[in-house]
Amino acid sequence: MTVSERPYHHGNLRAALLAAAEQTLSQEGAGELSLRELARQVGVSHAAPRRHFAGKQALLDALAEDGFERLGDGLRTALAEAGPGFAPRLRAFAHARLRPTR
């Protein structure tokens, strides 16, 4: 199948781009992050990411927002599971804060 024959529909392109961006950032840093390369990695045309992100900064902003949402979810879960006491809640909060969110 040629690039022009490739259908746009990816499933969840936004999530795939965010996952690929997170991996690129952790392995290579922000300087190596490009929408064109992310598109290649997830198997879509170089223009497809623009349907979700106006540019690299918009992708980085969405990635940060996603990370903070995951952190918040993890902290809320840890606090809910810790019980009512201050010490267990503080310990659970600290552990959840230091734990990777993916």
N, C-alpha and C. Protein backbone atom coordinates (compact mmCIF):
# COMPACT_ATOMS: atom_id res chain seq x y z
N MET A 1 0.85 -1.16 0.00
CA MET A 1 0.00 0.00 0.00
C MET A 1 0.90 1.24 0.00
N THR A 2 0.64 2.15 -0.87
CA THR A 2 1.43 3.38 -0.92
C THR A 2 0.88 4.37 0.10
N VAL A 3 1.65 5.41 0.35
CA VAL A 3 1.21 6.43 1.31
C VAL A 3 -0.11 7.05 0.89
N SER A 4 -0.29 7.31 -0.40
CA SER A 4 -1.53 7.92 -0.86
C SER A 4 -2.72 6.97 -0.72
N GLU A 5 -2.48 5.67 -0.69
CA GLU A 5 -3.56 4.70 -0.54
C GLU A 5 -3.86 4.41 0.93
N ARG A 6 -2.98 4.81 1.82
CA ARG A 6 -3.14 4.51 3.23
C ARG A 6 -4.34 5.29 3.79
N PRO A 7 -5.27 4.61 4.43
CA PRO A 7 -6.41 5.33 5.00
C PRO A 7 -5.98 6.16 6.20
N TYR A 8 -6.71 7.26 6.45
CA TYR A 8 -6.36 8.11 7.58
C TYR A 8 -6.65 7.41 8.89
N HIS A 9 -7.80 6.74 8.98
CA HIS A 9 -8.26 6.24 10.27
C HIS A 9 -7.22 5.35 10.93
N HIS A 10 -6.81 5.76 12.10
CA HIS A 10 -5.77 5.06 12.84
C HIS A 10 -6.34 4.34 14.04
N GLY A 11 -7.46 4.72 14.50
CA GLY A 11 -8.00 4.19 15.75
C GLY A 11 -8.01 5.33 16.75
N ASN A 12 -6.92 5.45 17.48
CA ASN A 12 -6.79 6.58 18.41
C ASN A 12 -5.44 7.23 18.16
N LEU A 13 -5.36 8.01 17.11
CA LEU A 13 -4.11 8.62 16.70
C LEU A 13 -3.56 9.55 17.77
N ARG A 14 -4.41 10.31 18.41
CA ARG A 14 -3.95 11.24 19.43
C ARG A 14 -3.21 10.50 20.53
N ALA A 15 -3.79 9.42 21.03
CA ALA A 15 -3.16 8.64 22.09
C ALA A 15 -1.87 8.00 21.61
N ALA A 16 -1.86 7.51 20.37
CA ALA A 16 -0.65 6.89 19.82
C ALA A 16 0.47 7.92 19.69
N LEU A 17 0.14 9.13 19.26
CA LEU A 17 1.14 10.18 19.14
C LEU A 17 1.68 10.58 20.51
N LEU A 18 0.80 10.69 21.49
CA LEU A 18 1.24 11.04 22.83
C LEU A 18 2.16 9.96 23.42
N ALA A 19 1.81 8.71 23.21
CA ALA A 19 2.65 7.61 23.72
C ALA A 19 4.02 7.62 23.04
N ALA A 20 4.04 7.81 21.72
CA ALA A 20 5.31 7.86 20.99
C ALA A 20 6.12 9.07 21.41
N ALA A 21 5.46 10.20 21.65
CA ALA A 21 6.16 11.41 22.09
C ALA A 21 6.76 11.21 23.46
N GLU A 22 6.03 10.59 24.35
CA GLU A 22 6.54 10.34 25.71
C GLU A 22 7.77 9.44 25.65
N GLN A 23 7.73 8.42 24.82
CA GLN A 23 8.87 7.52 24.68
C GLN A 23 10.07 8.27 24.09
N THR A 24 9.85 9.07 23.07
CA THR A 24 10.93 9.84 22.46
C THR A 24 11.54 10.82 23.46
N LEU A 25 10.70 11.49 24.22
CA LEU A 25 11.20 12.44 25.22
C LEU A 25 12.06 11.74 26.27
N SER A 26 11.62 10.59 26.73
CA SER A 26 12.37 9.90 27.78
C SER A 26 13.67 9.30 27.26
N GLN A 27 13.70 8.92 25.99
CA GLN A 27 14.90 8.29 25.45
C GLN A 27 15.87 9.27 24.79
N GLU A 28 15.32 10.33 24.16
CA GLU A 28 16.17 11.19 23.33
C GLU A 28 16.10 12.67 23.69
N GLY A 29 15.09 13.08 24.43
CA GLY A 29 14.95 14.48 24.80
C GLY A 29 14.08 15.26 23.83
N ALA A 30 13.71 16.46 24.26
CA ALA A 30 12.78 17.29 23.49
C ALA A 30 13.36 17.75 22.16
N GLY A 31 14.67 17.88 22.08
CA GLY A 31 15.29 18.33 20.84
C GLY A 31 15.09 17.38 19.67
N GLU A 32 14.86 16.13 19.95
CA GLU A 32 14.68 15.12 18.91
C GLU A 32 13.22 14.87 18.57
N LEU A 33 12.33 15.56 19.23
CA LEU A 33 10.90 15.35 19.02
C LEU A 33 10.42 16.14 17.81
N SER A 34 9.79 15.45 16.86
CA SER A 34 9.19 16.12 15.71
C SER A 34 7.89 15.42 15.34
N LEU A 35 6.90 16.20 14.93
CA LEU A 35 5.62 15.62 14.53
C LEU A 35 5.79 14.70 13.33
N ARG A 36 6.67 15.06 12.42
CA ARG A 36 6.90 14.24 11.23
C ARG A 36 7.44 12.85 11.62
N GLU A 37 8.39 12.83 12.54
CA GLU A 37 8.98 11.55 12.98
C GLU A 37 7.96 10.74 13.77
N LEU A 38 7.18 11.40 14.60
CA LEU A 38 6.14 10.68 15.34
C LEU A 38 5.13 10.06 14.39
N ALA A 39 4.76 10.80 13.34
CA ALA A 39 3.83 10.26 12.35
C ALA A 39 4.41 9.01 11.71
N ARG A 40 5.69 9.04 11.37
CA ARG A 40 6.34 7.87 10.79
C ARG A 40 6.30 6.70 11.76
N GLN A 41 6.58 6.97 13.03
CA GLN A 41 6.60 5.91 14.03
C GLN A 41 5.25 5.22 14.20
N VAL A 42 4.17 5.99 14.14
CA VAL A 42 2.85 5.39 14.33
C VAL A 42 2.19 4.96 13.03
N GLY A 43 2.86 5.24 11.90
CA GLY A 43 2.39 4.71 10.63
C GLY A 43 1.32 5.52 9.93
N VAL A 44 1.38 6.84 10.07
CA VAL A 44 0.42 7.70 9.37
C VAL A 44 1.19 8.72 8.53
N SER A 45 0.46 9.46 7.70
CA SER A 45 1.11 10.47 6.88
C SER A 45 1.68 11.57 7.76
N HIS A 46 2.64 12.30 7.22
CA HIS A 46 3.27 13.36 8.01
C HIS A 46 2.29 14.49 8.35
N ALA A 47 1.20 14.60 7.62
CA ALA A 47 0.21 15.64 7.88
C ALA A 47 -0.83 15.23 8.93
N ALA A 48 -0.98 13.95 9.17
CA ALA A 48 -2.04 13.46 10.07
C ALA A 48 -1.96 14.03 11.49
N PRO A 49 -0.79 14.19 12.10
CA PRO A 49 -0.75 14.73 13.46
C PRO A 49 -1.35 16.12 13.58
N ARG A 50 -1.37 16.88 12.49
CA ARG A 50 -1.92 18.24 12.53
C ARG A 50 -3.43 18.23 12.79
N ARG A 51 -4.07 17.09 12.61
CA ARG A 51 -5.50 17.00 12.93
C ARG A 51 -5.73 17.08 14.43
N HIS A 52 -4.68 16.78 15.21
CA HIS A 52 -4.80 16.76 16.67
C HIS A 52 -3.94 17.83 17.35
N PHE A 53 -2.84 18.21 16.73
CA PHE A 53 -1.90 19.15 17.34
C PHE A 53 -1.46 20.17 16.30
N ALA A 54 -1.60 21.44 16.63
CA ALA A 54 -1.23 22.51 15.69
C ALA A 54 0.28 22.55 15.45
N GLY A 55 1.03 22.04 16.38
CA GLY A 55 2.49 22.04 16.25
C GLY A 55 3.12 21.32 17.42
N LYS A 56 4.43 21.35 17.46
CA LYS A 56 5.19 20.64 18.49
C LYS A 56 4.81 21.13 19.88
N GLN A 57 4.66 22.46 20.06
CA GLN A 57 4.31 22.97 21.39
C GLN A 57 2.94 22.49 21.84
N ALA A 58 1.99 22.40 20.94
CA ALA A 58 0.67 21.89 21.28
C ALA A 58 0.76 20.43 21.72
N LEU A 59 1.60 19.65 21.07
CA LEU A 59 1.82 18.26 21.47
C LEU A 59 2.45 18.20 22.85
N LEU A 60 3.45 19.02 23.10
CA LEU A 60 4.09 19.05 24.42
C LEU A 60 3.11 19.48 25.51
N ASP A 61 2.27 20.46 25.20
CA ASP A 61 1.25 20.90 26.16
C ASP A 61 0.28 19.76 26.48
N ALA A 62 -0.16 19.04 25.47
CA ALA A 62 -1.09 17.92 25.68
C ALA A 62 -0.41 16.80 26.46
N LEU A 63 0.86 16.58 26.20
CA LEU A 63 1.61 15.55 26.92
C LEU A 63 1.73 15.92 28.39
N ALA A 64 2.00 17.19 28.69
CA ALA A 64 2.08 17.64 30.07
C ALA A 64 0.73 17.50 30.76
N GLU A 65 -0.33 17.91 30.07
CA GLU A 65 -1.67 17.80 30.65
C GLU A 65 -2.01 16.34 30.95
N ASP A 66 -1.70 15.46 30.02
CA ASP A 66 -1.94 14.03 30.21
C ASP A 66 -1.16 13.50 31.41
N GLY A 67 0.08 13.91 31.54
CA GLY A 67 0.90 13.47 32.66
C GLY A 67 0.34 13.94 34.00
N PHE A 68 -0.11 15.20 34.06
CA PHE A 68 -0.69 15.70 35.30
C PHE A 68 -2.01 15.01 35.64
N GLU A 69 -2.79 14.68 34.62
CA GLU A 69 -4.03 13.93 34.86
C GLU A 69 -3.73 12.54 35.41
N ARG A 70 -2.72 11.87 34.84
CA ARG A 70 -2.35 10.54 35.35
C ARG A 70 -1.81 10.63 36.77
N LEU A 71 -1.01 11.66 37.05
CA LEU A 71 -0.50 11.86 38.40
C LEU A 71 -1.65 12.09 39.37
N GLY A 72 -2.58 12.95 39.01
CA GLY A 72 -3.73 13.20 39.88
C GLY A 72 -4.54 11.95 40.15
N ASP A 73 -4.77 11.16 39.10
CA ASP A 73 -5.50 9.90 39.26
C ASP A 73 -4.76 8.97 40.21
N GLY A 74 -3.45 8.86 40.05
CA GLY A 74 -2.66 7.99 40.92
C GLY A 74 -2.67 8.45 42.36
N LEU A 75 -2.59 9.75 42.57
CA LEU A 75 -2.62 10.30 43.94
C LEU A 75 -3.98 10.08 44.59
N ARG A 76 -5.05 10.32 43.84
CA ARG A 76 -6.40 10.10 44.39
C ARG A 76 -6.61 8.63 44.74
N THR A 77 -6.16 7.74 43.88
CA THR A 77 -6.31 6.30 44.15
C THR A 77 -5.52 5.90 45.38
N ALA A 78 -4.28 6.36 45.47
CA ALA A 78 -3.43 6.02 46.62
C ALA A 78 -4.05 6.52 47.93
N LEU A 79 -4.57 7.75 47.92
CA LEU A 79 -5.19 8.30 49.13
C LEU A 79 -6.46 7.54 49.50
N ALA A 80 -7.25 7.16 48.52
CA ALA A 80 -8.48 6.42 48.79
C ALA A 80 -8.18 5.05 49.38
N GLU A 81 -7.10 4.43 48.94
CA GLU A 81 -6.74 3.09 49.42
C GLU A 81 -6.00 3.12 50.74
N ALA A 82 -5.50 4.29 51.16
CA ALA A 82 -4.66 4.38 52.36
C ALA A 82 -5.44 4.34 53.66
N GLY A 83 -6.70 4.70 53.61
CA GLY A 83 -7.47 4.76 54.84
C GLY A 83 -7.47 6.15 55.44
N PRO A 84 -8.03 6.28 56.66
CA PRO A 84 -8.25 7.60 57.22
C PRO A 84 -7.07 8.24 57.96
N GLY A 85 -6.10 7.49 58.41
CA GLY A 85 -5.02 8.04 59.22
C GLY A 85 -4.06 8.92 58.42
N PHE A 86 -3.53 9.95 59.12
CA PHE A 86 -2.63 10.88 58.44
C PHE A 86 -1.35 10.20 57.95
N ALA A 87 -0.69 9.43 58.81
CA ALA A 87 0.60 8.81 58.45
C ALA A 87 0.44 7.86 57.25
N PRO A 88 -0.55 6.97 57.25
CA PRO A 88 -0.70 6.11 56.07
C PRO A 88 -1.03 6.88 54.79
N ARG A 89 -1.82 7.96 54.93
CA ARG A 89 -2.17 8.77 53.76
C ARG A 89 -0.94 9.52 53.24
N LEU A 90 -0.13 10.05 54.13
CA LEU A 90 1.09 10.74 53.73
C LEU A 90 2.05 9.77 53.04
N ARG A 91 2.22 8.60 53.60
CA ARG A 91 3.09 7.57 53.01
C ARG A 91 2.57 7.16 51.63
N ALA A 92 1.27 6.93 51.52
CA ALA A 92 0.67 6.54 50.23
C ALA A 92 0.84 7.65 49.20
N PHE A 93 0.65 8.90 49.63
CA PHE A 93 0.83 10.04 48.74
C PHE A 93 2.26 10.11 48.24
N ALA A 94 3.22 9.98 49.15
CA ALA A 94 4.64 10.05 48.77
C ALA A 94 5.01 8.92 47.81
N HIS A 95 4.56 7.72 48.10
CA HIS A 95 4.86 6.59 47.21
C HIS A 95 4.25 6.79 45.82
N ALA A 96 3.00 7.26 45.79
CA ALA A 96 2.32 7.48 44.51
C ALA A 96 3.01 8.60 43.73
N ARG A 97 3.47 9.63 44.43
CA ARG A 97 4.12 10.75 43.76
C ARG A 97 5.44 10.34 43.12
N LEU A 98 6.14 9.42 43.72
CA LEU A 98 7.44 8.99 43.22
C LEU A 98 7.34 7.85 42.22
N ARG A 99 6.21 7.18 42.15
CA ARG A 99 6.00 6.05 41.25
C ARG A 99 5.75 6.55 39.83
N PRO A 100 6.34 5.89 38.83
CA PRO A 100 6.03 6.27 37.43
C PRO A 100 4.54 6.12 37.18
N THR A 101 4.00 7.00 36.32
CA THR A 101 2.56 7.01 36.10
C THR A 101 2.11 6.17 34.91
N ARG A 102 2.99 5.55 34.20
CA ARG A 102 2.58 4.68 33.10
C ARG A 102 2.93 3.27 33.36
